[in-house]
Amino acid sequence: MPDFLEIVLTIFGSVVASSGFWAFIQRKNDKKDGTIKLLRGMAHNSIIDNGMKYIDRGWVTKDEYEDFIKYLYEPYDTLGGNGLAKKVFEMVSRLPMKNVGIKETMKIDSQNSNK
């Protein structure tokens, strides 16, 4: 039995020490980093687009604001985002809130986009 254990440990040690194994781990980490960068970039773009729409309109609904924070800004901030998106977030946070339903909001946004 000790010979079997010795063989297993030798094989395990060889795999861990091989450059191919570490290259595989590095590629996996690079792919994860790329995915995080892509997600952060998409969130940044969405924060800017939606935030500027609210800022141009001059107000935000409670539902829009809650979704903006929960689904865009907080995950973006967790991924290390900052800069312009943070400034837009801060500006949106200072906007007055209107108690308007989704249909009314869509109608107002439609009218504003036609101007």
PDB file of N, CA and C in Angstrom:
ATOM      1  N   MET A   1       0.809  -1.205   0.000  1.00  0.00           N
ATOM      2  CA  MET A   1       0.000   0.000   0.000  1.00  0.00           C
ATOM      3  C   MET A   1       0.854   1.273   0.000  1.00  0.00           C
ATOM      4  N   PRO A   2       1.982   1.309   0.710  1.00  0.00           N
ATOM      5  CA  PRO A   2       2.809   2.519   0.682  1.00  0.00           C
ATOM      6  C   PRO A   2       3.273   2.856  -0.732  1.00  0.00           C
ATOM      7  N   ASP A   3       3.505   1.830  -1.571  1.00  0.00           N
ATOM      8  CA  ASP A   3       3.920   2.104  -2.954  1.00  0.00           C
ATOM      9  C   ASP A   3       2.813   2.839  -3.707  1.00  0.00           C
ATOM     10  N   PHE A   4       1.563   2.465  -3.485  1.00  0.00           N
ATOM     11  CA  PHE A   4       0.430   3.111  -4.140  1.00  0.00           C
ATOM     12  C   PHE A   4       0.351   4.573  -3.714  1.00  0.00           C
ATOM     13  N   LEU A   5       0.472   4.842  -2.431  1.00  0.00           N
ATOM     14  CA  LEU A   5       0.427   6.203  -1.901  1.00  0.00           C
ATOM     15  C   LEU A   5       1.572   7.031  -2.478  1.00  0.00           C
ATOM     16  N   GLU A   6       2.731   6.439  -2.590  1.00  0.00           N
ATOM     17  CA  GLU A   6       3.889   7.122  -3.145  1.00  0.00           C
ATOM     18  C   GLU A   6       3.647   7.492  -4.602  1.00  0.00           C
ATOM     19  N   ILE A   7       3.047   6.578  -5.358  1.00  0.00           N
ATOM     20  CA  ILE A   7       2.743   6.829  -6.766  1.00  0.00           C
ATOM     21  C   ILE A   7       1.727   7.967  -6.901  1.00  0.00           C
ATOM     22  N   VAL A   8       0.679   7.918  -6.089  1.00  0.00           N
ATOM     23  CA  VAL A   8      -0.362   8.955  -6.132  1.00  0.00           C
ATOM     24  C   VAL A   8       0.237  10.312  -5.793  1.00  0.00           C
ATOM     25  N   LEU A   9       1.046  10.369  -4.747  1.00  0.00           N
ATOM     26  CA  LEU A   9       1.667  11.638  -4.364  1.00  0.00           C
ATOM     27  C   LEU A   9       2.617  12.148  -5.441  1.00  0.00           C
ATOM     28  N   THR A  10       3.328  11.257  -6.083  1.00  0.00           N
ATOM     29  CA  THR A  10       4.236  11.645  -7.168  1.00  0.00           C
ATOM     30  C   THR A  10       3.451  12.232  -8.342  1.00  0.00           C
ATOM     31  N   ILE A  11       2.377  11.575  -8.710  1.00  0.00           N
ATOM     32  CA  ILE A  11       1.540  12.064  -9.811  1.00  0.00           C
ATOM     33  C   ILE A  11       0.938  13.416  -9.456  1.00  0.00           C
ATOM     34  N   PHE A  12       0.396  13.531  -8.261  1.00  0.00           N
ATOM     35  CA  PHE A  12      -0.213  14.784  -7.809  1.00  0.00           C
ATOM     36  C   PHE A  12       0.829  15.905  -7.811  1.00  0.00           C
ATOM     37  N   GLY A  13       2.006  15.631  -7.283  1.00  0.00           N
ATOM     38  CA  GLY A  13       3.072  16.624  -7.252  1.00  0.00           C
ATOM     39  C   GLY A  13       3.497  17.045  -8.641  1.00  0.00           C
ATOM     40  N   SER A  14       3.555  16.113  -9.562  1.00  0.00           N
ATOM     41  CA  SER A  14       3.945  16.417 -10.945  1.00  0.00           C
ATOM     42  C   SER A  14       2.921  17.314 -11.616  1.00  0.00           C
ATOM     43  N   VAL A  15       1.644  17.032 -11.389  1.00  0.00           N
ATOM     44  CA  VAL A  15       0.580  17.846 -11.995  1.00  0.00           C
ATOM     45  C   VAL A  15       0.624  19.266 -11.450  1.00  0.00           C
ATOM     46  N   VAL A  16       0.752  19.401 -10.134  1.00  0.00           N
ATOM     47  CA  VAL A  16       0.762  20.722  -9.515  1.00  0.00           C
ATOM     48  C   VAL A  16       1.990  21.513  -9.949  1.00  0.00           C
ATOM     49  N   ALA A  17       3.102  20.852 -10.108  1.00  0.00           N
ATOM     50  CA  ALA A  17       4.346  21.530 -10.477  1.00  0.00           C
ATOM     51  C   ALA A  17       4.443  21.827 -11.967  1.00  0.00           C
ATOM     52  N   SER A  18       3.590  21.235 -12.778  1.00  0.00           N
ATOM     53  CA  SER A  18       3.708  21.415 -14.227  1.00  0.00           C
ATOM     54  C   SER A  18       3.283  22.813 -14.645  1.00  0.00           C
ATOM     55  N   SER A  19       3.952  23.348 -15.652  1.00  0.00           N
ATOM     56  CA  SER A  19       3.632  24.683 -16.139  1.00  0.00           C
ATOM     57  C   SER A  19       2.267  24.703 -16.834  1.00  0.00           C
ATOM     58  N   GLY A  20       1.872  23.603 -17.416  1.00  0.00           N
ATOM     59  CA  GLY A  20       0.562  23.527 -18.068  1.00  0.00           C
ATOM     60  C   GLY A  20      -0.583  23.711 -17.091  1.00  0.00           C
ATOM     61  N   PHE A  21      -0.436  23.146 -15.916  1.00  0.00           N
ATOM     62  CA  PHE A  21      -1.461  23.289 -14.886  1.00  0.00           C
ATOM     63  C   PHE A  21      -1.606  24.756 -14.482  1.00  0.00           C
ATOM     64  N   TRP A  22      -0.475  25.410 -14.251  1.00  0.00           N
ATOM     65  CA  TRP A  22      -0.524  26.810 -13.832  1.00  0.00           C
ATOM     66  C   TRP A  22      -0.981  27.711 -14.968  1.00  0.00           C
ATOM     67  N   ALA A  23      -0.662  27.367 -16.201  1.00  0.00           N
ATOM     68  CA  ALA A  23      -1.153  28.132 -17.345  1.00  0.00           C
ATOM     69  C   ALA A  23      -2.678  28.016 -17.438  1.00  0.00           C
ATOM     70  N   PHE A  24      -3.196  26.835 -17.164  1.00  0.00           N
ATOM     71  CA  PHE A  24      -4.647  26.620 -17.153  1.00  0.00           C
ATOM     72  C   PHE A  24      -5.308  27.502 -16.094  1.00  0.00           C
ATOM     73  N   ILE A  25      -4.733  27.510 -14.903  1.00  0.00           N
ATOM     74  CA  ILE A  25      -5.276  28.335 -13.811  1.00  0.00           C
ATOM     75  C   ILE A  25      -5.222  29.816 -14.201  1.00  0.00           C
ATOM     76  N   GLN A  26      -4.126  30.247 -14.790  1.00  0.00           N
ATOM     77  CA  GLN A  26      -3.982  31.649 -15.192  1.00  0.00           C
ATOM     78  C   GLN A  26      -5.007  32.027 -16.257  1.00  0.00           C
ATOM     79  N   ARG A  27      -5.223  31.150 -17.251  1.00  0.00           N
ATOM     80  CA  ARG A  27      -6.226  31.420 -18.290  1.00  0.00           C
ATOM     81  C   ARG A  27      -7.615  31.545 -17.679  1.00  0.00           C
ATOM     82  N   LYS A  28      -7.889  30.700 -16.715  1.00  0.00           N
ATOM     83  CA  LYS A  28      -9.193  30.752 -16.052  1.00  0.00           C
ATOM     84  C   LYS A  28      -9.361  32.085 -15.317  1.00  0.00           C
ATOM     85  N   ASN A  29      -8.308  32.531 -14.642  1.00  0.00           N
ATOM     86  CA  ASN A  29      -8.356  33.814 -13.935  1.00  0.00           C
ATOM     87  C   ASN A  29      -8.484  34.981 -14.913  1.00  0.00           C
ATOM     88  N   ASP A  30      -7.769  34.913 -16.032  1.00  0.00           N
ATOM     89  CA  ASP A  30      -7.855  35.974 -17.040  1.00  0.00           C
ATOM     90  C   ASP A  30      -9.265  36.079 -17.602  1.00  0.00           C
ATOM     91  N   LYS A  31      -9.893  34.937 -17.840  1.00  0.00           N
ATOM     92  CA  LYS A  31     -11.258  34.924 -18.367  1.00  0.00           C
ATOM     93  C   LYS A  31     -12.217  35.547 -17.352  1.00  0.00           C
ATOM     94  N   LYS A  32     -12.033  35.207 -16.073  1.00  0.00           N
ATOM     95  CA  LYS A  32     -12.881  35.772 -15.019  1.00  0.00           C
ATOM     96  C   LYS A  32     -12.684  37.288 -14.942  1.00  0.00           C
ATOM     97  N   ASP A  33     -11.430  37.741 -15.026  1.00  0.00           N
ATOM     98  CA  ASP A  33     -11.153  39.175 -14.998  1.00  0.00           C
ATOM     99  C   ASP A  33     -11.811  39.878 -16.177  1.00  0.00           C
ATOM    100  N   GLY A  34     -11.758  39.267 -17.345  1.00  0.00           N
ATOM    101  CA  GLY A  34     -12.393  39.845 -18.530  1.00  0.00           C
ATOM    102  C   GLY A  34     -13.899  39.948 -18.372  1.00  0.00           C
ATOM    103  N   THR A  35     -14.496  38.928 -17.790  1.00  0.00           N
ATOM    104  CA  THR A  35     -15.943  38.934 -17.561  1.00  0.00           C
ATOM    105  C   THR A  35     -16.322  40.050 -16.599  1.00  0.00           C
ATOM    106  N   ILE A  36     -15.547  40.211 -15.551  1.00  0.00           N
ATOM    107  CA  ILE A  36     -15.819  41.275 -14.568  1.00  0.00           C
ATOM    108  C   ILE A  36     -15.687  42.641 -15.231  1.00  0.00           C
ATOM    109  N   LYS A  37     -14.655  42.828 -16.039  1.00  0.00           N
ATOM    110  CA  LYS A  37     -14.472  44.109 -16.728  1.00  0.00           C
ATOM    111  C   LYS A  37     -15.634  44.397 -17.673  1.00  0.00           C
ATOM    112  N   LEU A  38     -16.076  43.377 -18.386  1.00  0.00           N
ATOM    113  CA  LEU A  38     -17.203  43.543 -19.304  1.00  0.00           C
ATOM    114  C   LEU A  38     -18.473  43.917 -18.540  1.00  0.00           C
ATOM    115  N   LEU A  39     -18.763  43.207 -17.467  1.00  0.00           N
ATOM    116  CA  LEU A  39     -19.959  43.505 -16.668  1.00  0.00           C
ATOM    117  C   LEU A  39     -19.890  44.910 -16.075  1.00  0.00           C
ATOM    118  N   ARG A  40     -18.722  45.287 -15.575  1.00  0.00           N
ATOM    119  CA  ARG A  40     -18.559  46.624 -15.004  1.00  0.00           C
ATOM    120  C   ARG A  40     -18.780  47.673 -16.093  1.00  0.00           C
ATOM    121  N   GLY A  41     -18.263  47.429 -17.295  1.00  0.00           N
ATOM    122  CA  GLY A  41     -18.452  48.369 -18.396  1.00  0.00           C
ATOM    123  C   GLY A  41     -19.902  48.499 -18.817  1.00  0.00           C
ATOM    124  N   MET A  42     -20.605  47.366 -18.863  1.00  0.00           N
ATOM    125  CA  MET A  42     -22.023  47.398 -19.233  1.00  0.00           C
ATOM    126  C   MET A  42     -22.848  48.128 -18.168  1.00  0.00           C
ATOM    127  N   ALA A  43     -22.534  47.875 -16.903  1.00  0.00           N
ATOM    128  CA  ALA A  43     -23.242  48.571 -15.821  1.00  0.00           C
ATOM    129  C   ALA A  43     -22.941  50.065 -15.883  1.00  0.00           C
ATOM    130  N   HIS A  44     -21.692  50.421 -16.145  1.00  0.00           N
ATOM    131  CA  HIS A  44     -21.300  51.832 -16.259  1.00  0.00           C
ATOM    132  C   HIS A  44     -22.127  52.513 -17.340  1.00  0.00           C
ATOM    133  N   ASN A  45     -22.210  51.884 -18.495  1.00  0.00           N
ATOM    134  CA  ASN A  45     -22.968  52.445 -19.601  1.00  0.00           C
ATOM    135  C   ASN A  45     -24.443  52.610 -19.238  1.00  0.00           C
ATOM    136  N   SER A  46     -25.001  51.619 -18.595  1.00  0.00           N
ATOM    137  CA  SER A  46     -26.414  51.663 -18.213  1.00  0.00           C
ATOM    138  C   SER A  46     -26.668  52.745 -17.163  1.00  0.00           C
ATOM    139  N   ILE A  47     -25.756  52.884 -16.217  1.00  0.00           N
ATOM    140  CA  ILE A  47     -25.901  53.921 -15.191  1.00  0.00           C
ATOM    141  C   ILE A  47     -25.885  55.300 -15.841  1.00  0.00           C
ATOM    142  N   ILE A  48     -24.966  55.505 -16.758  1.00  0.00           N
ATOM    143  CA  ILE A  48     -24.879  56.798 -17.442  1.00  0.00           C
ATOM    144  C   ILE A  48     -26.141  57.055 -18.265  1.00  0.00           C
ATOM    145  N   ASP A  49     -26.551  56.084 -19.076  1.00  0.00           N
ATOM    146  CA  ASP A  49     -27.736  56.266 -19.925  1.00  0.00           C
ATOM    147  C   ASP A  49     -28.994  56.528 -19.112  1.00  0.00           C
ATOM    148  N   ASN A  50     -29.278  55.649 -18.162  1.00  0.00           N
ATOM    149  CA  ASN A  50     -30.497  55.817 -17.360  1.00  0.00           C
ATOM    150  C   ASN A  50     -30.404  57.057 -16.481  1.00  0.00           C
ATOM    151  N   GLY A  51     -29.255  57.246 -15.856  1.00  0.00           N
ATOM    152  CA  GLY A  51     -29.086  58.399 -14.970  1.00  0.00           C
ATOM    153  C   GLY A  51     -29.272  59.713 -15.697  1.00  0.00           C
ATOM    154  N   MET A  52     -28.692  59.837 -16.888  1.00  0.00           N
ATOM    155  CA  MET A  52     -28.844  61.079 -17.652  1.00  0.00           C
ATOM    156  C   MET A  52     -30.285  61.289 -18.089  1.00  0.00           C
ATOM    157  N   LYS A  53     -30.996  60.203 -18.369  1.00  0.00           N
ATOM    158  CA  LYS A  53     -32.416  60.324 -18.713  1.00  0.00           C
ATOM    159  C   LYS A  53     -33.191  60.918 -17.529  1.00  0.00           C
ATOM    160  N   TYR A  54     -32.912  60.418 -16.333  1.00  0.00           N
ATOM    161  CA  TYR A  54     -33.589  60.937 -15.144  1.00  0.00           C
ATOM    162  C   TYR A  54     -33.191  62.389 -14.879  1.00  0.00           C
ATOM    163  N   ILE A  55     -31.916  62.679 -15.029  1.00  0.00           N
ATOM    164  CA  ILE A  55     -31.425  64.036 -14.775  1.00  0.00           C
ATOM    165  C   ILE A  55     -32.032  65.010 -15.772  1.00  0.00           C
ATOM    166  N   ASP A  56     -32.069  64.649 -17.046  1.00  0.00           N
ATOM    167  CA  ASP A  56     -32.673  65.517 -18.068  1.00  0.00           C
ATOM    168  C   ASP A  56     -34.154  65.739 -17.792  1.00  0.00           C
ATOM    169  N   ARG A  57     -34.817  64.681 -17.322  1.00  0.00           N
ATOM    170  CA  ARG A  57     -36.242  64.779 -17.015  1.00  0.00           C
ATOM    171  C   ARG A  57     -36.473  65.627 -15.772  1.00  0.00           C
ATOM    172  N   GLY A  58     -35.525  65.589 -14.846  1.00  0.00           N
ATOM    173  CA  GLY A  58     -35.617  66.431 -13.648  1.00  0.00           C
ATOM    174  C   GLY A  58     -36.229  65.760 -12.437  1.00  0.00           C
ATOM    175  N   TRP A  59     -36.575  64.507 -12.545  1.00  0.00           N
ATOM    176  CA  TRP A  59     -37.157  63.763 -11.429  1.00  0.00           C
ATOM    177  C   TRP A  59     -37.030  62.278 -11.697  1.00  0.00           C
ATOM    178  N   VAL A  60     -37.306  61.488 -10.659  1.00  0.00           N
ATOM    179  CA  VAL A  60     -37.242  60.036 -10.772  1.00  0.00           C
ATOM    180  C   VAL A  60     -38.362  59.451  -9.907  1.00  0.00           C
ATOM    181  N   THR A  61     -38.910  58.326 -10.336  1.00  0.00           N
ATOM    182  CA  THR A  61     -39.913  57.676  -9.493  1.00  0.00           C
ATOM    183  C   THR A  61     -39.211  56.830  -8.443  1.00  0.00           C
ATOM    184  N   LYS A  62     -39.942  56.481  -7.405  1.00  0.00           N
ATOM    185  CA  LYS A  62     -39.372  55.648  -6.348  1.00  0.00           C
ATOM    186  C   LYS A  62     -38.929  54.289  -6.907  1.00  0.00           C
ATOM    187  N   ASP A  63     -39.757  53.691  -7.753  1.00  0.00           N
ATOM    188  CA  ASP A  63     -39.416  52.392  -8.346  1.00  0.00           C
ATOM    189  C   ASP A  63     -38.165  52.484  -9.225  1.00  0.00           C
ATOM    190  N   GLU A  64     -38.083  53.531 -10.046  1.00  0.00           N
ATOM    191  CA  GLU A  64     -36.901  53.711 -10.889  1.00  0.00           C
ATOM    192  C   GLU A  64     -35.645  53.850 -10.035  1.00  0.00           C
ATOM    193  N   TYR A  65     -35.752  54.646  -8.991  1.00  0.00           N
ATOM    194  CA  TYR A  65     -34.605  54.889  -8.124  1.00  0.00           C
ATOM    195  C   TYR A  65     -34.169  53.609  -7.413  1.00  0.00           C
ATOM    196  N   GLU A  66     -35.131  52.863  -6.890  1.00  0.00           N
ATOM    197  CA  GLU A  66     -34.796  51.619  -6.195  1.00  0.00           C
ATOM    198  C   GLU A  66     -34.137  50.616  -7.148  1.00  0.00           C
ATOM    199  N   ASP A  67     -34.667  50.484  -8.362  1.00  0.00           N
ATOM    200  CA  ASP A  67     -34.064  49.582  -9.345  1.00  0.00           C
ATOM    201  C   ASP A  67     -32.679  50.068  -9.767  1.00  0.00           C
ATOM    202  N   PHE A  68     -32.547  51.375  -9.929  1.00  0.00           N
ATOM    203  CA  PHE A  68     -31.272  51.977 -10.302  1.00  0.00           C
ATOM    204  C   PHE A  68     -30.199  51.622  -9.268  1.00  0.00           C
ATOM    205  N   ILE A  69     -30.556  51.710  -7.997  1.00  0.00           N
ATOM    206  CA  ILE A  69     -29.611  51.404  -6.918  1.00  0.00           C
ATOM    207  C   ILE A  69     -29.354  49.900  -6.834  1.00  0.00           C
ATOM    208  N   LYS A  70     -30.425  49.122  -6.730  1.00  0.00           N
ATOM    209  CA  LYS A  70     -30.309  47.681  -6.459  1.00  0.00           C
ATOM    210  C   LYS A  70     -29.679  46.902  -7.607  1.00  0.00           C
ATOM    211  N   TYR A  71     -30.097  47.180  -8.831  1.00  0.00           N
ATOM    212  CA  TYR A  71     -29.668  46.361  -9.962  1.00  0.00           C
ATOM    213  C   TYR A  71     -28.511  46.945 -10.770  1.00  0.00           C
ATOM    214  N   LEU A  72     -28.226  48.229 -10.587  1.00  0.00           N
ATOM    215  CA  LEU A  72     -27.129  48.828 -11.347  1.00  0.00           C
ATOM    216  C   LEU A  72     -26.003  49.336 -10.453  1.00  0.00           C
ATOM    217  N   TYR A  73     -26.328  50.338  -9.606  1.00  0.00           N
ATOM    218  CA  TYR A  73     -25.228  50.997  -8.917  1.00  0.00           C
ATOM    219  C   TYR A  73     -24.545  50.122  -7.865  1.00  0.00           C
ATOM    220  N   GLU A  74     -25.302  49.444  -7.026  1.00  0.00           N
ATOM    221  CA  GLU A  74     -24.669  48.626  -5.984  1.00  0.00           C
ATOM    222  C   GLU A  74     -23.782  47.518  -6.569  1.00  0.00           C
ATOM    223  N   PRO A  75     -24.248  46.742  -7.572  1.00  0.00           N
ATOM    224  CA  PRO A  75     -23.348  45.744  -8.161  1.00  0.00           C
ATOM    225  C   PRO A  75     -22.129  46.390  -8.839  1.00  0.00           C
ATOM    226  N   TYR A  76     -22.341  47.519  -9.502  1.00  0.00           N
ATOM    227  CA  TYR A  76     -21.241  48.241 -10.143  1.00  0.00           C
ATOM    228  C   TYR A  76     -20.208  48.673  -9.110  1.00  0.00           C
ATOM    229  N   ASP A  77     -20.672  49.222  -8.014  1.00  0.00           N
ATOM    230  CA  ASP A  77     -19.780  49.660  -6.944  1.00  0.00           C
ATOM    231  C   ASP A  77     -19.032  48.471  -6.335  1.00  0.00           C
ATOM    232  N   THR A  78     -19.718  47.345  -6.167  1.00  0.00           N
ATOM    233  CA  THR A  78     -19.095  46.136  -5.626  1.00  0.00           C
ATOM    234  C   THR A  78     -17.970  45.644  -6.529  1.00  0.00           C
ATOM    235  N   LEU A  79     -18.128  45.812  -7.841  1.00  0.00           N
ATOM    236  CA  LEU A  79     -17.101  45.388  -8.794  1.00  0.00           C
ATOM    237  C   LEU A  79     -15.953  46.399  -8.909  1.00  0.00           C
ATOM    238  N   GLY A  80     -16.014  47.459  -8.119  1.00  0.00           N
ATOM    239  CA  GLY A  80     -14.920  48.426  -8.108  1.00  0.00           C
ATOM    240  C   GLY A  80     -15.124  49.607  -9.024  1.00  0.00           C
ATOM    241  N   GLY A  81     -16.343  49.837  -9.473  1.00  0.00           N
ATOM    242  CA  GLY A  81     -16.611  50.955 -10.365  1.00  0.00           C
ATOM    243  C   GLY A  81     -16.548  52.285  -9.633  1.00  0.00           C
ATOM    244  N   ASN A  82     -16.224  53.338 -10.378  1.00  0.00           N
ATOM    245  CA  ASN A  82     -16.158  54.682  -9.800  1.00  0.00           C
ATOM    246  C   ASN A  82     -16.241  55.696 -10.933  1.00  0.00           C
ATOM    247  N   GLY A  83     -15.793  56.896 -10.693  1.00  0.00           N
ATOM    248  CA  GLY A  83     -15.707  57.907 -11.743  1.00  0.00           C
ATOM    249  C   GLY A  83     -17.033  58.527 -12.116  1.00  0.00           C
ATOM    250  N   LEU A  84     -17.242  58.676 -13.417  1.00  0.00           N
ATOM    251  CA  LEU A  84     -18.421  59.361 -13.935  1.00  0.00           C
ATOM    252  C   LEU A  84     -19.717  58.708 -13.468  1.00  0.00           C
ATOM    253  N   ALA A  85     -19.763  57.383 -13.447  1.00  0.00           N
ATOM    254  CA  ALA A  85     -20.990  56.697 -13.020  1.00  0.00           C
ATOM    255  C   ALA A  85     -21.329  57.067 -11.571  1.00  0.00           C
ATOM    256  N   LYS A  86     -20.326  57.210 -10.731  1.00  0.00           N
ATOM    257  CA  LYS A  86     -20.577  57.597  -9.337  1.00  0.00           C
ATOM    258  C   LYS A  86     -21.139  59.019  -9.283  1.00  0.00           C
ATOM    259  N   LYS A  87     -20.610  59.908 -10.109  1.00  0.00           N
ATOM    260  CA  LYS A  87     -21.124  61.283 -10.144  1.00  0.00           C
ATOM    261  C   LYS A  87     -22.578  61.308 -10.613  1.00  0.00           C
ATOM    262  N   VAL A  88     -22.880  60.518 -11.640  1.00  0.00           N
ATOM    263  CA  VAL A  88     -24.260  60.451 -12.139  1.00  0.00           C
ATOM    264  C   VAL A  88     -25.164  59.881 -11.060  1.00  0.00           C
ATOM    265  N   PHE A  89     -24.713  58.825 -10.375  1.00  0.00           N
ATOM    266  CA  PHE A  89     -25.489  58.248  -9.279  1.00  0.00           C
ATOM    267  C   PHE A  89     -25.786  59.302  -8.216  1.00  0.00           C
ATOM    268  N   GLU A  90     -24.794  60.085  -7.835  1.00  0.00           N
ATOM    269  CA  GLU A  90     -24.984  61.114  -6.815  1.00  0.00           C
ATOM    270  C   GLU A  90     -25.976  62.176  -7.276  1.00  0.00           C
ATOM    271  N   MET A  91     -25.917  62.535  -8.567  1.00  0.00           N
ATOM    272  CA  MET A  91     -26.866  63.514  -9.103  1.00  0.00           C
ATOM    273  C   MET A  91     -28.287  62.956  -9.106  1.00  0.00           C
ATOM    274  N   VAL A  92     -28.429  61.690  -9.489  1.00  0.00           N
ATOM    275  CA  VAL A  92     -29.749  61.051  -9.490  1.00  0.00           C
ATOM    276  C   VAL A  92     -30.287  60.979  -8.060  1.00  0.00           C
ATOM    277  N   SER A  93     -29.416  60.732  -7.099  1.00  0.00           N
ATOM    278  CA  SER A  93     -29.837  60.627  -5.691  1.00  0.00           C
ATOM    279  C   SER A  93     -30.398  61.941  -5.160  1.00  0.00           C
ATOM    280  N   ARG A  94     -30.001  63.052  -5.766  1.00  0.00           N
ATOM    281  CA  ARG A  94     -30.494  64.367  -5.323  1.00  0.00           C
ATOM    282  C   ARG A  94     -31.769  64.798  -6.041  1.00  0.00           C
ATOM    283  N   LEU A  95     -32.192  64.036  -7.046  1.00  0.00           N
ATOM    284  CA  LEU A  95     -33.400  64.410  -7.794  1.00  0.00           C
ATOM    285  C   LEU A  95     -34.651  64.258  -6.933  1.00  0.00           C
ATOM    286  N   PRO A  96     -35.652  65.097  -7.183  1.00  0.00           N
ATOM    287  CA  PRO A  96     -36.925  64.903  -6.476  1.00  0.00           C
ATOM    288  C   PRO A  96     -37.608  63.629  -6.974  1.00  0.00           C
ATOM    289  N   MET A  97     -38.338  62.992  -6.057  1.00  0.00           N
ATOM    290  CA  MET A  97     -39.073  61.780  -6.425  1.00  0.00           C
ATOM    291  C   MET A  97     -40.522  62.136  -6.675  1.00  0.00           C
ATOM    292  N   LYS A  98     -41.052  61.575  -7.752  1.00  0.00           N
ATOM    293  CA  LYS A  98     -42.458  61.772  -8.082  1.00  0.00           C
ATOM    294  C   LYS A  98     -43.179  60.459  -7.893  1.00  0.00           C
ATOM    295  N   ASN A  99     -44.375  60.534  -7.431  1.00  0.00           N
ATOM    296  CA  ASN A  99     -45.208  59.355  -7.253  1.00  0.00           C
ATOM    297  C   ASN A  99     -46.065  59.189  -8.502  1.00  0.00           C
ATOM    298  N   VAL A 100     -45.450  58.646  -9.547  1.00  0.00           N
ATOM    299  CA  VAL A 100     -46.101  58.488 -10.839  1.00  0.00           C
ATOM    300  C   VAL A 100     -46.022  57.017 -11.221  1.00  0.00           C
ATOM    301  N   GLY A 101     -47.094  56.477 -11.771  1.00  0.00           N
ATOM    302  CA  GLY A 101     -47.106  55.078 -12.192  1.00  0.00           C
ATOM    303  C   GLY A 101     -46.283  54.864 -13.452  1.00  0.00           C
ATOM    304  N   ILE A 102     -46.049  53.618 -13.772  1.00  0.00           N
ATOM    305  CA  ILE A 102     -45.208  53.263 -14.917  1.00  0.00           C
ATOM    306  C   ILE A 102     -45.805  53.750 -16.234  1.00  0.00           C
ATOM    307  N   LYS A 103     -47.113  53.659 -16.385  1.00  0.00           N
ATOM    308  CA  LYS A 103     -47.746  54.097 -17.639  1.00  0.00           C
ATOM    309  C   LYS A 103     -47.577  55.601 -17.834  1.00  0.00           C
ATOM    310  N   GLU A 104     -47.775  56.355 -16.755  1.00  0.00           N
ATOM    311  CA  GLU A 104     -47.617  57.805 -16.845  1.00  0.00           C
ATOM    312  C   GLU A 104     -46.167  58.173 -17.137  1.00  0.00           C
ATOM    313  N   THR A 105     -45.242  57.471 -16.497  1.00  0.00           N
ATOM    314  CA  THR A 105     -43.815  57.734 -16.710  1.00  0.00           C
ATOM    315  C   THR A 105     -43.437  57.456 -18.159  1.00  0.00           C
ATOM    316  N   MET A 106     -43.910  56.338 -18.709  1.00  0.00           N
ATOM    317  CA  MET A 106     -43.602  55.999 -20.093  1.00  0.00           C
ATOM    318  C   MET A 106     -44.193  57.042 -21.047  1.00  0.00           C
ATOM    319  N   LYS A 107     -45.384  57.526 -20.747  1.00  0.00           N
ATOM    320  CA  LYS A 107     -46.025  58.529 -21.584  1.00  0.00           C
ATOM    321  C   LYS A 107     -45.223  59.834 -21.557  1.00  0.00           C
ATOM    322  N   ILE A 108     -44.782  60.246 -20.369  1.00  0.00           N
ATOM    323  CA  ILE A 108     -43.981  61.467 -20.233  1.00  0.00           C
ATOM    324  C   ILE A 108     -42.652  61.302 -20.961  1.00  0.00           C
ATOM    325  N   ASP A 109     -41.996  60.168 -20.788  1.00  0.00           N
ATOM    326  CA  ASP A 109     -40.720  59.925 -21.457  1.00  0.00           C
ATOM    327  C   ASP A 109     -40.891  59.934 -22.977  1.00  0.00           C
ATOM    328  N   SER A 110     -41.997  59.376 -23.453  1.00  0.00           N
ATOM    329  CA  SER A 110     -42.277  59.342 -24.889  1.00  0.00           C
ATOM    330  C   SER A 110     -42.467  60.760 -25.407  1.00  0.00           C
ATOM    331  N   GLN A 111     -43.196  61.569 -24.669  1.00  0.00           N
ATOM    332  CA  GLN A 111     -43.419  62.949 -25.082  1.00  0.00           C
ATOM    333  C   GLN A 111     -42.111  63.736 -25.093  1.00  0.00           C
ATOM    334  N   ASN A 112     -41.269  63.498 -24.097  1.00  0.00           N
ATOM    335  CA  ASN A 112     -39.985  64.205 -24.015  1.00  0.00           C
ATOM    336  C   ASN A 112     -39.040  63.802 -25.142  1.00  0.00           C
ATOM    337  N   SER A 113     -39.101  62.544 -25.570  1.00  0.00           N
ATOM    338  CA  SER A 113     -38.201  62.093 -26.629  1.00  0.00           C
ATOM    339  C   SER A 113     -38.638  62.606 -27.993  1.00  0.00           C
ATOM    340  N   ASN A 114     -39.890  63.014 -28.121  1.00  0.00           N
ATOM    341  CA  ASN A 114     -40.396  63.546 -29.387  1.00  0.00           C
ATOM    342  C   ASN A 114     -40.093  65.028 -29.561  1.00  0.00           C
ATOM    343  N   LYS A 115     -39.601  65.673 -28.508  1.00  0.00           N
ATOM    344  CA  LYS A 115     -39.308  67.123 -28.579  1.00  0.00           C
ATOM    345  C   LYS A 115     -37.988  67.393 -29.226  1.00  0.00           C
TER     346      LYS A 115
END
